[in-house]
PDB file of N, CA and C in Angstrom:
ATOM      1  N   GLN A   1     110.238  89.426 103.377  1.00  0.00           N
ATOM      2  CA  GLN A   1     109.587  88.718 104.483  1.00  0.00           C
ATOM      3  C   GLN A   1     109.594  89.015 105.723  1.00  0.00           C
ATOM      4  N   VAL A   2     108.432  88.748 106.251  1.00  0.00           N
ATOM      5  CA  VAL A   2     107.918  88.964 107.641  1.00  0.00           C
ATOM      6  C   VAL A   2     107.935  88.192 108.526  1.00  0.00           C
ATOM      7  N   GLN A   3     108.319  88.310 109.661  1.00  0.00           N
ATOM      8  CA  GLN A   3     108.808  87.110 110.628  1.00  0.00           C
ATOM      9  C   GLN A   3     107.563  87.576 111.680  1.00  0.00           C
ATOM     10  N   LEU A   4     106.275  87.584 111.900  1.00  0.00           N
ATOM     11  CA  LEU A   4     105.221  87.467 113.206  1.00  0.00           C
ATOM     12  C   LEU A   4     105.638  86.109 114.201  1.00  0.00           C
ATOM     13  N   VAL A   5     105.336  87.396 115.466  1.00  0.00           N
ATOM     14  CA  VAL A   5     105.312  86.337 116.742  1.00  0.00           C
ATOM     15  C   VAL A   5     104.259  86.913 117.925  1.00  0.00           C
ATOM     16  N   GLU A   6     103.520  86.207 117.535  1.00  0.00           N
ATOM     17  CA  GLU A   6     102.317  86.562 118.326  1.00  0.00           C
ATOM     18  C   GLU A   6     102.272  86.468 120.288  1.00  0.00           C
ATOM     19  N   SER A   7     101.478  87.112 121.535  1.00  0.00           N
ATOM     20  CA  SER A   7     101.974  87.434 122.618  1.00  0.00           C
ATOM     21  C   SER A   7     101.118  87.193 123.507  1.00  0.00           C
ATOM     22  N   GLY A   8     100.925  87.144 124.529  1.00  0.00           N
ATOM     23  CA  GLY A   8      99.940  87.398 125.138  1.00  0.00           C
ATOM     24  C   GLY A   8      98.790  87.166 126.058  1.00  0.00           C
ATOM     25  N   GLY A   9      98.650  85.092 125.096  1.00  0.00           N
ATOM     26  CA  GLY A   9      97.596  84.807 125.438  1.00  0.00           C
ATOM     27  C   GLY A   9      97.218  83.957 126.689  1.00  0.00           C
ATOM     28  N   GLY A  10      96.273  83.241 126.910  1.00  0.00           N
ATOM     29  CA  GLY A  10      96.622  82.331 128.731  1.00  0.00           C
ATOM     30  C   GLY A  10      95.416  82.174 128.515  1.00  0.00           C
ATOM     31  N   LEU A  11      94.933  81.752 129.774  1.00  0.00           N
ATOM     32  CA  LEU A  11      94.018  81.628 130.123  1.00  0.00           C
ATOM     33  C   LEU A  11      92.477  82.702 131.023  1.00  0.00           C
ATOM     34  N   VAL A  12      91.508  82.987 130.978  1.00  0.00           N
ATOM     35  CA  VAL A  12      90.999  83.526 131.817  1.00  0.00           C
ATOM     36  C   VAL A  12      89.004  83.401 131.673  1.00  0.00           C
ATOM     37  N   GLN A  13      89.034  84.188 132.711  1.00  0.00           N
ATOM     38  CA  GLN A  13      87.360  83.520 133.066  1.00  0.00           C
ATOM     39  C   GLN A  13      86.464  84.511 132.170  1.00  0.00           C
ATOM     40  N   ALA A  14      85.463  84.251 132.049  1.00  0.00           N
ATOM     41  CA  ALA A  14      84.490  84.518 130.979  1.00  0.00           C
ATOM     42  C   ALA A  14      84.289  86.019 131.349  1.00  0.00           C
ATOM     43  N   GLY A  15      84.120  86.950 130.950  1.00  0.00           N
ATOM     44  CA  GLY A  15      83.455  88.629 131.089  1.00  0.00           C
ATOM     45  C   GLY A  15      85.309  88.679 131.382  1.00  0.00           C
ATOM     46  N   GLY A  16      86.616  88.003 131.436  1.00  0.00           N
ATOM     47  CA  GLY A  16      87.466  88.663 131.807  1.00  0.00           C
ATOM     48  C   GLY A  16      88.130  89.862 130.190  1.00  0.00           C
ATOM     49  N   SER A  17      89.251  89.875 130.448  1.00  0.00           N
ATOM     50  CA  SER A  17      90.569  90.679 129.041  1.00  0.00           C
ATOM     51  C   SER A  17      91.543  90.220 129.115  1.00  0.00           C
ATOM     52  N   LEU A  18      92.314  90.633 128.220  1.00  0.00           N
ATOM     53  CA  LEU A  18      93.246  90.229 127.278  1.00  0.00           C
ATOM     54  C   LEU A  18      93.843  90.715 126.549  1.00  0.00           C
ATOM     55  N   ARG A  19      94.655  91.029 125.760  1.00  0.00           N
ATOM     56  CA  ARG A  19      95.650  91.834 124.990  1.00  0.00           C
ATOM     57  C   ARG A  19      96.804  91.300 124.811  1.00  0.00           C
ATOM     58  N   LEU A  20      96.688  90.910 123.212  1.00  0.00           N
ATOM     59  CA  LEU A  20      97.362  90.147 121.924  1.00  0.00           C
ATOM     60  C   LEU A  20      98.377  90.903 121.966  1.00  0.00           C
ATOM     61  N   SER A  21      99.510  90.705 121.457  1.00  0.00           N
ATOM     62  CA  SER A  21     100.955  91.719 120.580  1.00  0.00           C
ATOM     63  C   SER A  21     101.097  90.834 119.985  1.00  0.00           C
ATOM     64  N   CYS A  22     102.069  91.218 118.689  1.00  0.00           N
ATOM     65  CA  CYS A  22     102.440  90.926 117.792  1.00  0.00           C
ATOM     66  C   CYS A  22     103.297  91.720 117.172  1.00  0.00           C
ATOM     67  N   ALA A  23     104.554  90.762 117.649  1.00  0.00           N
ATOM     68  CA  ALA A  23     105.783  91.312 116.933  1.00  0.00           C
ATOM     69  C   ALA A  23     106.231  91.114 115.859  1.00  0.00           C
ATOM     70  N   ALA A  24     106.757  91.988 114.868  1.00  0.00           N
ATOM     71  CA  ALA A  24     106.976  92.271 113.517  1.00  0.00           C
ATOM     72  C   ALA A  24     109.094  92.022 113.162  1.00  0.00           C
ATOM     73  N   SER A  25     109.435  91.548 113.221  1.00  0.00           N
ATOM     74  CA  SER A  25     110.493  91.361 111.928  1.00  0.00           C
ATOM     75  C   SER A  25     111.265  91.486 110.799  1.00  0.00           C
ATOM     76  N   GLY A  26     111.286  91.394 109.947  1.00  0.00           N
ATOM     77  CA  GLY A  26     112.590  91.216 108.820  1.00  0.00           C
ATOM     78  C   GLY A  26     111.982  92.273 108.048  1.00  0.00           C
ATOM     79  N   SER A  27     110.711  93.095 108.256  1.00  0.00           N
ATOM     80  CA  SER A  27     110.404  94.355 107.466  1.00  0.00           C
ATOM     81  C   SER A  27     109.751  95.012 108.355  1.00  0.00           C
ATOM     82  N   ALA A  28     109.640  96.262 107.447  1.00  0.00           N
ATOM     83  CA  ALA A  28     108.611  97.424 108.705  1.00  0.00           C
ATOM     84  C   ALA A  28     106.940  97.392 108.185  1.00  0.00           C
ATOM     85  N   LEU A  29     106.234  96.996 109.142  1.00  0.00           N
ATOM     86  CA  LEU A  29     104.825  96.439 109.112  1.00  0.00           C
ATOM     87  C   LEU A  29     104.259  97.701 108.470  1.00  0.00           C
ATOM     88  N   GLY A  30     104.887  98.350 108.698  1.00  0.00           N
ATOM     89  CA  GLY A  30     103.972 100.305 108.242  1.00  0.00           C
ATOM     90  C   GLY A  30     103.038 100.126 106.532  1.00  0.00           C
ATOM     91  N   SER A  31     103.966  99.125 105.588  1.00  0.00           N
ATOM     92  CA  SER A  31     103.560  99.194 104.633  1.00  0.00           C
ATOM     93  C   SER A  31     102.539  97.674 103.937  1.00  0.00           C
ATOM     94  N   TYR A  32     101.531  96.854 105.335  1.00  0.00           N
ATOM     95  CA  TYR A  32     100.662  96.215 105.351  1.00  0.00           C
ATOM     96  C   TYR A  32      99.770  95.935 106.200  1.00  0.00           C
ATOM     97  N   THR A  33      98.336  96.246 105.330  1.00  0.00           N
ATOM     98  CA  THR A  33      97.341  95.408 106.204  1.00  0.00           C
ATOM     99  C   THR A  33      97.477  93.881 107.333  1.00  0.00           C
ATOM    100  N   MET A  34      97.430  94.703 108.325  1.00  0.00           N
ATOM    101  CA  MET A  34      97.305  93.375 109.378  1.00  0.00           C
ATOM    102  C   MET A  34      96.155  93.163 110.635  1.00  0.00           C
ATOM    103  N   GLY A  35      96.047  91.777 110.573  1.00  0.00           N
ATOM    104  CA  GLY A  35      94.938  91.067 111.417  1.00  0.00           C
ATOM    105  C   GLY A  35      95.038  89.916 112.044  1.00  0.00           C
ATOM    106  N   TRP A  36      94.209  89.591 112.570  1.00  0.00           N
ATOM    107  CA  TRP A  36      94.136  88.350 114.041  1.00  0.00           C
ATOM    108  C   TRP A  36      92.872  87.627 112.889  1.00  0.00           C
ATOM    109  N   PHE A  37      93.075  85.861 113.031  1.00  0.00           N
ATOM    110  CA  PHE A  37      92.391  85.126 113.237  1.00  0.00           C
ATOM    111  C   PHE A  37      92.805  84.330 113.755  1.00  0.00           C
ATOM    112  N   ARG A  38      91.495  83.367 113.917  1.00  0.00           N
ATOM    113  CA  ARG A  38      91.478  82.348 115.499  1.00  0.00           C
ATOM    114  C   ARG A  38      90.652  81.300 114.177  1.00  0.00           C
ATOM    115  N   GLN A  39      91.465  79.998 116.013  1.00  0.00           N
ATOM    116  CA  GLN A  39      91.174  78.383 115.004  1.00  0.00           C
ATOM    117  C   GLN A  39      90.347  77.549 116.396  1.00  0.00           C
ATOM    118  N   ALA A  40      89.472  77.797 116.307  1.00  0.00           N
ATOM    119  CA  ALA A  40      89.493  76.407 117.777  1.00  0.00           C
ATOM    120  C   ALA A  40      89.545  75.443 116.956  1.00  0.00           C
ATOM    121  N   LEU A  41      89.959  74.500 117.885  1.00  0.00           N
ATOM    122  CA  LEU A  41      89.565  72.798 118.227  1.00  0.00           C
ATOM    123  C   LEU A  41      89.025  72.417 117.538  1.00  0.00           C
ATOM    124  N   GLY A  42      88.910  72.101 115.545  1.00  0.00           N
ATOM    125  CA  GLY A  42      88.427  70.906 115.066  1.00  0.00           C
ATOM    126  C   GLY A  42      87.253  72.154 114.087  1.00  0.00           C
ATOM    127  N   LYS A  43      87.924  73.048 114.719  1.00  0.00           N
ATOM    128  CA  LYS A  43      86.760  74.553 113.385  1.00  0.00           C
ATOM    129  C   LYS A  43      87.771  74.856 113.008  1.00  0.00           C
ATOM    130  N   GLU A  44      86.998  75.579 111.335  1.00  0.00           N
ATOM    131  CA  GLU A  44      87.995  76.242 110.675  1.00  0.00           C
ATOM    132  C   GLU A  44      88.762  77.187 111.041  1.00  0.00           C
ATOM    133  N   ARG A  45      89.413  78.245 110.425  1.00  0.00           N
ATOM    134  CA  ARG A  45      90.280  79.063 110.525  1.00  0.00           C
ATOM    135  C   ARG A  45      88.964  80.524 110.397  1.00  0.00           C
ATOM    136  N   GLU A  46      89.246  81.657 111.185  1.00  0.00           N
ATOM    137  CA  GLU A  46      88.020  82.638 111.211  1.00  0.00           C
ATOM    138  C   GLU A  46      88.801  83.936 111.609  1.00  0.00           C
ATOM    139  N   PHE A  47      87.935  85.019 110.808  1.00  0.00           N
ATOM    140  CA  PHE A  47      88.703  86.252 110.853  1.00  0.00           C
ATOM    141  C   PHE A  47      88.283  86.662 112.020  1.00  0.00           C
ATOM    142  N   VAL A  48      89.377  87.855 112.553  1.00  0.00           N
ATOM    143  CA  VAL A  48      88.614  88.463 113.724  1.00  0.00           C
ATOM    144  C   VAL A  48      88.848  89.477 113.569  1.00  0.00           C
ATOM    145  N   ALA A  49      89.827  90.083 113.390  1.00  0.00           N
ATOM    146  CA  ALA A  49      90.331  91.324 113.734  1.00  0.00           C
ATOM    147  C   ALA A  49      90.948  92.069 112.072  1.00  0.00           C
ATOM    148  N   ALA A  50      91.061  93.449 111.592  1.00  0.00           N
ATOM    149  CA  ALA A  50      92.268  93.957 110.418  1.00  0.00           C
ATOM    150  C   ALA A  50      92.175  95.645 110.812  1.00  0.00           C
ATOM    151  N   ILE A  51      92.858  96.005 110.451  1.00  0.00           N
ATOM    152  CA  ILE A  51      93.463  97.243 110.401  1.00  0.00           C
ATOM    153  C   ILE A  51      94.169  97.549 109.177  1.00  0.00           C
ATOM    154  N   SER A  52      93.901  98.762 108.473  1.00  0.00           N
ATOM    155  CA  SER A  52      94.438  98.820 107.048  1.00  0.00           C
ATOM    156  C   SER A  52      96.409  99.401 107.328  1.00  0.00           C
ATOM    157  N   TYR A  53      96.910  99.765 106.554  1.00  0.00           N
ATOM    158  CA  TYR A  53      98.463 100.207 107.153  1.00  0.00           C
ATOM    159  C   TYR A  53      98.032 101.452 105.848  1.00  0.00           C
ATOM    160  N   GLN A  54      97.215 102.131 104.746  1.00  0.00           N
ATOM    161  CA  GLN A  54      97.287 103.094 105.000  1.00  0.00           C
ATOM    162  C   GLN A  54      96.670 104.760 105.717  1.00  0.00           C
ATOM    163  N   ASN A  55      95.548 104.246 105.944  1.00  0.00           N
ATOM    164  CA  ASN A  55      94.568 104.636 107.550  1.00  0.00           C
ATOM    165  C   ASN A  55      93.825 104.754 108.631  1.00  0.00           C
ATOM    166  N   SER A  56      94.638 103.117 108.905  1.00  0.00           N
ATOM    167  CA  SER A  56      94.021 102.351 110.032  1.00  0.00           C
ATOM    168  C   SER A  56      92.629 102.272 110.101  1.00  0.00           C
ATOM    169  N   ASP A  57      91.743 102.084 108.961  1.00  0.00           N
ATOM    170  CA  ASP A  57      90.365 101.728 109.538  1.00  0.00           C
ATOM    171  C   ASP A  57      90.249 100.438 110.073  1.00  0.00           C
ATOM    172  N   THR A  58      89.594 100.255 110.386  1.00  0.00           N
ATOM    173  CA  THR A  58      89.480  98.786 111.214  1.00  0.00           C
ATOM    174  C   THR A  58      88.327  97.940 110.493  1.00  0.00           C
ATOM    175  N   TYR A  59      88.504  96.520 110.976  1.00  0.00           N
ATOM    176  CA  TYR A  59      87.487  95.890 109.992  1.00  0.00           C
ATOM    177  C   TYR A  59      86.432  94.663 111.192  1.00  0.00           C
ATOM    178  N   TYR A  60      85.934  94.743 111.379  1.00  0.00           N
ATOM    179  CA  TYR A  60      85.789  93.267 112.466  1.00  0.00           C
ATOM    180  C   TYR A  60      84.311  92.346 112.339  1.00  0.00           C
ATOM    181  N   PRO A  61      84.017  91.299 112.587  1.00  0.00           N
ATOM    182  CA  PRO A  61      82.857  90.617 112.424  1.00  0.00           C
ATOM    183  C   PRO A  61      82.063  90.572 113.162  1.00  0.00           C
ATOM    184  N   ASP A  62      80.651  90.623 113.361  1.00  0.00           N
ATOM    185  CA  ASP A  62      79.918  90.849 113.940  1.00  0.00           C
ATOM    186  C   ASP A  62      80.028  90.052 115.680  1.00  0.00           C
ATOM    187  N   SER A  63      80.622  89.102 115.309  1.00  0.00           N
ATOM    188  CA  SER A  63      81.501  88.401 116.913  1.00  0.00           C
ATOM    189  C   SER A  63      81.619  89.058 117.637  1.00  0.00           C
ATOM    190  N   VAL A  64      82.503  89.669 117.158  1.00  0.00           N
ATOM    191  CA  VAL A  64      83.764  89.845 118.079  1.00  0.00           C
ATOM    192  C   VAL A  64      83.187  91.854 118.036  1.00  0.00           C
ATOM    193  N   LYS A  65      82.635  92.006 117.290  1.00  0.00           N
ATOM    194  CA  LYS A  65      82.528  93.913 117.501  1.00  0.00           C
ATOM    195  C   LYS A  65      81.715  94.430 118.112  1.00  0.00           C
ATOM    196  N   GLY A  66      82.552  95.491 119.112  1.00  0.00           N
ATOM    197  CA  GLY A  66      82.384  96.363 119.934  1.00  0.00           C
ATOM    198  C   GLY A  66      82.629  95.592 121.114  1.00  0.00           C
ATOM    199  N   ARG A  67      84.034  94.434 121.295  1.00  0.00           N
ATOM    200  CA  ARG A  67      84.309  93.687 121.951  1.00  0.00           C
ATOM    201  C   ARG A  67      85.831  93.633 122.107  1.00  0.00           C
ATOM    202  N   PHE A  68      86.633  93.175 120.992  1.00  0.00           N
ATOM    203  CA  PHE A  68      87.619  93.526 120.283  1.00  0.00           C
ATOM    204  C   PHE A  68      87.871  94.965 119.877  1.00  0.00           C
ATOM    205  N   THR A  69      89.368  95.068 119.592  1.00  0.00           N
ATOM    206  CA  THR A  69      89.615  96.456 119.521  1.00  0.00           C
ATOM    207  C   THR A  69      91.059  96.052 118.697  1.00  0.00           C
ATOM    208  N   ILE A  70      91.335  96.011 117.287  1.00  0.00           N
ATOM    209  CA  ILE A  70      92.644  95.928 117.269  1.00  0.00           C
ATOM    210  C   ILE A  70      93.370  97.362 116.694  1.00  0.00           C
ATOM    211  N   SER A  71      94.658  97.433 117.042  1.00  0.00           N
ATOM    212  CA  SER A  71      95.488  98.644 117.299  1.00  0.00           C
ATOM    213  C   SER A  71      96.730  98.125 116.231  1.00  0.00           C
ATOM    214  N   ARG A  72      97.803  99.074 116.262  1.00  0.00           N
ATOM    215  CA  ARG A  72      99.323  99.065 115.192  1.00  0.00           C
ATOM    216  C   ARG A  72     100.208  99.841 115.598  1.00  0.00           C
ATOM    217  N   ASP A  73     101.088 100.312 116.298  1.00  0.00           N
ATOM    218  CA  ASP A  73     101.818 101.193 116.620  1.00  0.00           C
ATOM    219  C   ASP A  73     103.159 100.779 115.662  1.00  0.00           C
ATOM    220  N   ASN A  74     103.300 101.255 114.364  1.00  0.00           N
ATOM    221  CA  ASN A  74     104.259 101.050 113.505  1.00  0.00           C
ATOM    222  C   ASN A  74     105.592 101.232 114.113  1.00  0.00           C
ATOM    223  N   ALA A  75     105.528 102.325 114.905  1.00  0.00           N
ATOM    224  CA  ALA A  75     107.151 102.948 115.220  1.00  0.00           C
ATOM    225  C   ALA A  75     107.992 101.906 115.936  1.00  0.00           C
ATOM    226  N   LYS A  76     106.852 100.582 116.917  1.00  0.00           N
ATOM    227  CA  LYS A  76     106.868  99.792 117.269  1.00  0.00           C
ATOM    228  C   LYS A  76     106.948  98.402 116.854  1.00  0.00           C
ATOM    229  N   ASN A  77     106.468  98.704 115.030  1.00  0.00           N
ATOM    230  CA  ASN A  77     106.669  97.337 114.363  1.00  0.00           C
ATOM    231  C   ASN A  77     105.338  96.341 115.383  1.00  0.00           C
ATOM    232  N   ALA A  78     104.813  96.463 115.465  1.00  0.00           N
ATOM    233  CA  ALA A  78     103.934  95.739 116.613  1.00  0.00           C
ATOM    234  C   ALA A  78     102.316  96.114 116.045  1.00  0.00           C
ATOM    235  N   VAL A  79     101.445  95.012 116.432  1.00  0.00           N
ATOM    236  CA  VAL A  79      99.486  94.873 116.234  1.00  0.00           C
ATOM    237  C   VAL A  79      99.561  94.435 117.725  1.00  0.00           C
ATOM    238  N   TYR A  80      97.718  94.829 117.990  1.00  0.00           N
ATOM    239  CA  TYR A  80      97.700  94.991 119.030  1.00  0.00           C
ATOM    240  C   TYR A  80      95.981  94.199 119.206  1.00  0.00           C
ATOM    241  N   LEU A  81      95.609  93.334 119.730  1.00  0.00           N
ATOM    242  CA  LEU A  81      94.446  92.804 119.868  1.00  0.00           C
ATOM    243  C   LEU A  81      94.117  93.053 121.507  1.00  0.00           C
ATOM    244  N   GLN A  82      93.609  93.769 121.209  1.00  0.00           N
ATOM    245  CA  GLN A  82      92.750  94.085 123.684  1.00  0.00           C
ATOM    246  C   GLN A  82      91.509  93.195 122.973  1.00  0.00           C
ATOM    247  N   MET A  83      91.218  92.759 123.646  1.00  0.00           N
ATOM    248  CA  MET A  83      89.448  91.664 123.914  1.00  0.00           C
ATOM    249  C   MET A  83      88.942  91.845 125.132  1.00  0.00           C
ATOM    250  N   ASN A  84      88.223  92.287 125.104  1.00  0.00           N
ATOM    251  CA  ASN A  84      87.254  92.865 126.619  1.00  0.00           C
ATOM    252  C   ASN A  84      86.190  91.466 126.606  1.00  0.00           C
ATOM    253  N   ASN A  85      85.165  91.544 127.298  1.00  0.00           N
ATOM    254  CA  ASN A  85      84.030  91.174 128.163  1.00  0.00           C
ATOM    255  C   ASN A  85      84.230  89.590 127.183  1.00  0.00           C
ATOM    256  N   LEU A  86      85.042  88.507 127.321  1.00  0.00           N
ATOM    257  CA  LEU A  86      85.572  87.306 126.993  1.00  0.00           C
ATOM    258  C   LEU A  86      84.461  86.568 126.923  1.00  0.00           C
ATOM    259  N   LYS A  87      83.913  85.154 126.138  1.00  0.00           N
ATOM    260  CA  LYS A  87      83.228  84.848 126.418  1.00  0.00           C
ATOM    261  C   LYS A  87      83.593  83.407 125.984  1.00  0.00           C
ATOM    262  N   PRO A  88      83.101  81.713 126.279  1.00  0.00           N
ATOM    263  CA  PRO A  88      84.413  80.648 125.970  1.00  0.00           C
ATOM    264  C   PRO A  88      84.257  80.049 124.626  1.00  0.00           C
ATOM    265  N   GLU A  89      83.335  80.768 123.125  1.00  0.00           N
ATOM    266  CA  GLU A  89      83.692  80.601 122.243  1.00  0.00           C
ATOM    267  C   GLU A  89      84.375  81.555 121.603  1.00  0.00           C
ATOM    268  N   ASP A  90      85.365  82.152 122.582  1.00  0.00           N
ATOM    269  CA  ASP A  90      86.116  82.957 122.123  1.00  0.00           C
ATOM    270  C   ASP A  90      87.441  82.243 121.866  1.00  0.00           C
ATOM    271  N   THR A  91      87.133  80.767 123.173  1.00  0.00           N
ATOM    272  CA  THR A  91      88.278  79.699 122.726  1.00  0.00           C
ATOM    273  C   THR A  91      89.421  79.654 121.608  1.00  0.00           C
ATOM    274  N   ALA A  92      90.470  79.235 121.418  1.00  0.00           N
ATOM    275  CA  ALA A  92      91.277  78.976 120.192  1.00  0.00           C
ATOM    276  C   ALA A  92      92.044  79.976 120.187  1.00  0.00           C
ATOM    277  N   VAL A  93      92.989  79.335 118.972  1.00  0.00           N
ATOM    278  CA  VAL A  93      94.620  79.769 119.275  1.00  0.00           C
ATOM    279  C   VAL A  93      94.614  81.275 118.026  1.00  0.00           C
ATOM    280  N   TYR A  94      95.343  81.959 118.630  1.00  0.00           N
ATOM    281  CA  TYR A  94      94.901  83.277 118.003  1.00  0.00           C
ATOM    282  C   TYR A  94      95.938  83.439 117.055  1.00  0.00           C
ATOM    283  N   TYR A  95      95.868  84.024 115.507  1.00  0.00           N
ATOM    284  CA  TYR A  95      96.989  84.481 114.973  1.00  0.00           C
ATOM    285  C   TYR A  95      97.144  85.520 114.213  1.00  0.00           C
ATOM    286  N   CYS A  96      98.495  85.716 114.119  1.00  0.00           N
ATOM    287  CA  CYS A  96      98.521  86.867 113.807  1.00  0.00           C
ATOM    288  C   CYS A  96      99.312  86.764 112.039  1.00  0.00           C
ATOM    289  N   ALA A  97      99.098  88.324 111.198  1.00  0.00           N
ATOM    290  CA  ALA A  97      98.822  88.078 109.813  1.00  0.00           C
ATOM    291  C   ALA A  97      98.811  89.896 109.269  1.00  0.00           C
ATOM    292  N   ALA A  98      99.600  88.899 108.038  1.00  0.00           N
ATOM    293  CA  ALA A  98     100.358  90.577 107.189  1.00  0.00           C
ATOM    294  C   ALA A  98      99.759  90.260 105.694  1.00  0.00           C
ATOM    295  N   THR A  99      99.086  90.873 105.871  1.00  0.00           N
ATOM    296  CA  THR A  99      98.548  91.377 103.518  1.00  0.00           C
ATOM    297  C   THR A  99      99.200  92.447 103.255  1.00  0.00           C
ATOM    298  N   ILE A 100      99.677  92.953 102.135  1.00  0.00           N
ATOM    299  CA  ILE A 100      99.380  93.503 101.444  1.00  0.00           C
ATOM    300  C   ILE A 100      98.398  94.706 100.545  1.00  0.00           C
ATOM    301  N   LEU A 101      97.252  93.270 100.962  1.00  0.00           N
ATOM    302  CA  LEU A 101      95.843  94.147 100.724  1.00  0.00           C
ATOM    303  C   LEU A 101      95.830  95.017 101.236  1.00  0.00           C
ATOM    304  N   ARG A 102      94.720  96.479 100.557  1.00  0.00           N
ATOM    305  CA  ARG A 102      95.129  97.610 101.171  1.00  0.00           C
ATOM    306  C   ARG A 102      94.140  98.258 102.183  1.00  0.00           C
ATOM    307  N   GLU A 103      93.216  97.120 102.388  1.00  0.00           N
ATOM    308  CA  GLU A 103      91.774  97.746 102.842  1.00  0.00           C
ATOM    309  C   GLU A 103      91.174  96.130 103.911  1.00  0.00           C
ATOM    310  N   ALA A 104      91.369  96.422 105.260  1.00  0.00           N
ATOM    311  CA  ALA A 104      90.858  96.232 105.728  1.00  0.00           C
ATOM    312  C   ALA A 104      89.937  94.826 105.783  1.00  0.00           C
ATOM    313  N   LYS A 105      88.563  96.023 105.312  1.00  0.00           N
ATOM    314  CA  LYS A 105      87.450  94.808 104.892  1.00  0.00           C
ATOM    315  C   LYS A 105      87.964  93.715 103.935  1.00  0.00           C
ATOM    316  N   SER A 106      88.604  94.340 102.804  1.00  0.00           N
ATOM    317  CA  SER A 106      89.008  92.999 101.896  1.00  0.00           C
ATOM    318  C   SER A 106      89.951  91.574 102.901  1.00  0.00           C
ATOM    319  N   MET A 107      90.549  92.291 103.796  1.00  0.00           N
ATOM    320  CA  MET A 107      91.482  90.771 104.457  1.00  0.00           C
ATOM    321  C   MET A 107      90.504  90.037 105.118  1.00  0.00           C
ATOM    322  N   GLY A 108      88.895  91.132 105.793  1.00  0.00           N
ATOM    323  CA  GLY A 108      88.154  89.947 106.132  1.00  0.00           C
ATOM    324  C   GLY A 108      87.713  89.059 105.453  1.00  0.00           C
ATOM    325  N   ALA A 109      87.638  89.663 104.410  1.00  0.00           N
ATOM    326  CA  ALA A 109      86.055  89.024 103.140  1.00  0.00           C
ATOM    327  C   ALA A 109      87.307  87.741 102.862  1.00  0.00           C
ATOM    328  N   MET A 110      88.473  87.699 101.840  1.00  0.00           N
ATOM    329  CA  MET A 110      89.085  86.782 101.562  1.00  0.00           C
ATOM    330  C   MET A 110      89.879  86.078 102.207  1.00  0.00           C
ATOM    331  N   GLY A 111      90.168  86.321 103.744  1.00  0.00           N
ATOM    332  CA  GLY A 111      90.368  85.778 105.046  1.00  0.00           C
ATOM    333  C   GLY A 111      91.857  84.824 104.637  1.00  0.00           C
ATOM    334  N   ARG A 112      92.350  86.469 103.722  1.00  0.00           N
ATOM    335  CA  ARG A 112      93.402  86.603 103.013  1.00  0.00           C
ATOM    336  C   ARG A 112      94.908  87.024 103.897  1.00  0.00           C
ATOM    337  N   GLY A 113      95.750  85.802 104.767  1.00  0.00           N
ATOM    338  CA  GLY A 113      97.238  86.810 104.969  1.00  0.00           C
ATOM    339  C   GLY A 113      98.450  85.877 104.418  1.00  0.00           C
ATOM    340  N   ASP A 114      98.744  86.860 103.541  1.00  0.00           N
ATOM    341  CA  ASP A 114     100.419  86.551 103.523  1.00  0.00           C
ATOM    342  C   ASP A 114     101.198  86.400 104.116  1.00  0.00           C
ATOM    343  N   TYR A 115     102.152  86.646 105.225  1.00  0.00           N
ATOM    344  CA  TYR A 115     103.186  85.861 106.548  1.00  0.00           C
ATOM    345  C   TYR A 115     102.023  85.813 107.510  1.00  0.00           C
ATOM    346  N   TRP A 116     101.918  84.314 108.470  1.00  0.00           N
ATOM    347  CA  TRP A 116     101.402  83.911 109.261  1.00  0.00           C
ATOM    348  C   TRP A 116     102.130  84.094 110.506  1.00  0.00           C
ATOM    349  N   GLY A 117     102.000  84.209 111.885  1.00  0.00           N
ATOM    350  CA  GLY A 117     102.330  84.156 113.146  1.00  0.00           C
ATOM    351  C   GLY A 117     102.256  82.608 113.107  1.00  0.00           C
ATOM    352  N   HIS A 118     102.646  81.907 114.331  1.00  0.00           N
ATOM    353  CA  HIS A 118     102.788  80.468 114.917  1.00  0.00           C
ATOM    354  C   HIS A 118     101.469  80.306 115.589  1.00  0.00           C
ATOM    355  N   GLY A 119     101.114  81.578 116.352  1.00  0.00           N
ATOM    356  CA  GLY A 119      99.686  81.534 117.023  1.00  0.00           C
ATOM    357  C   GLY A 119     100.011  81.611 118.668  1.00  0.00           C
ATOM    358  N   THR A 120      99.084  81.933 119.110  1.00  0.00           N
ATOM    359  CA  THR A 120      99.079  81.652 120.912  1.00  0.00           C
ATOM    360  C   THR A 120      97.419  81.336 121.282  1.00  0.00           C
ATOM    361  N   GLN A 121      97.522  80.741 122.544  1.00  0.00           N
ATOM    362  CA  GLN A 121      96.505  79.998 122.964  1.00  0.00           C
ATOM    363  C   GLN A 121      95.611  80.793 124.173  1.00  0.00           C
ATOM    364  N   VAL A 122      93.923  81.085 123.038  1.00  0.00           N
ATOM    365  CA  VAL A 122      93.484  81.320 124.102  1.00  0.00           C
ATOM    366  C   VAL A 122      92.545  80.543 125.130  1.00  0.00           C
ATOM    367  N   THR A 123      92.199  80.677 125.820  1.00  0.00           N
ATOM    368  CA  THR A 123      91.108  79.953 126.453  1.00  0.00           C
ATOM    369  C   THR A 123      90.366  80.656 127.831  1.00  0.00           C
ATOM    370  N   VAL A 124      89.441  81.045 127.944  1.00  0.00           N
ATOM    371  CA  VAL A 124      88.000  81.467 128.075  1.00  0.00           C
ATOM    372  C   VAL A 124      87.114  80.141 128.916  1.00  0.00           C
ATOM    373  N   SER A 125      87.428  80.250 130.037  1.00  0.00           N
ATOM    374  CA  SER A 125      86.749  79.718 131.029  1.00  0.00           C
ATOM    375  C   SER A 125      84.845  79.572 131.575  1.00  0.00           C
ATOM    376  N   SER A 126      84.192  78.976 131.732  1.00  0.00           N
ATOM    377  CA  SER A 126      82.987  79.701 132.011  1.00  0.00           C
ATOM    378  C   SER A 126      82.574  79.708 133.593  1.00  0.00           C
TER     379      SER A 126
END
């Protein structure tokens, strides 16, 4: 069982940056592909980024590619999401997720998370 806790959300102006963190407990993250998803008010959950456990391959949708960077530190049992050049449409609750899927692209394509955090709010003002 993996427990995930997100932090780092907040209010930022358009063009600004935020760094989200996801701390894990209960199990080592080294065996999981990790990802970030987001859900805006009234919208469906959307995949944001993933990083595989085998070789740290990453995968992003076009909406965030070039602006967001996912990374992991298995020694600290943590995953991060660096978000740059934020836009108002990035406003959402951001969730950290862990999956046993091997590939980051699979996590994105399937939208699958086997364990989820409770989320952290990111608000981007125009």
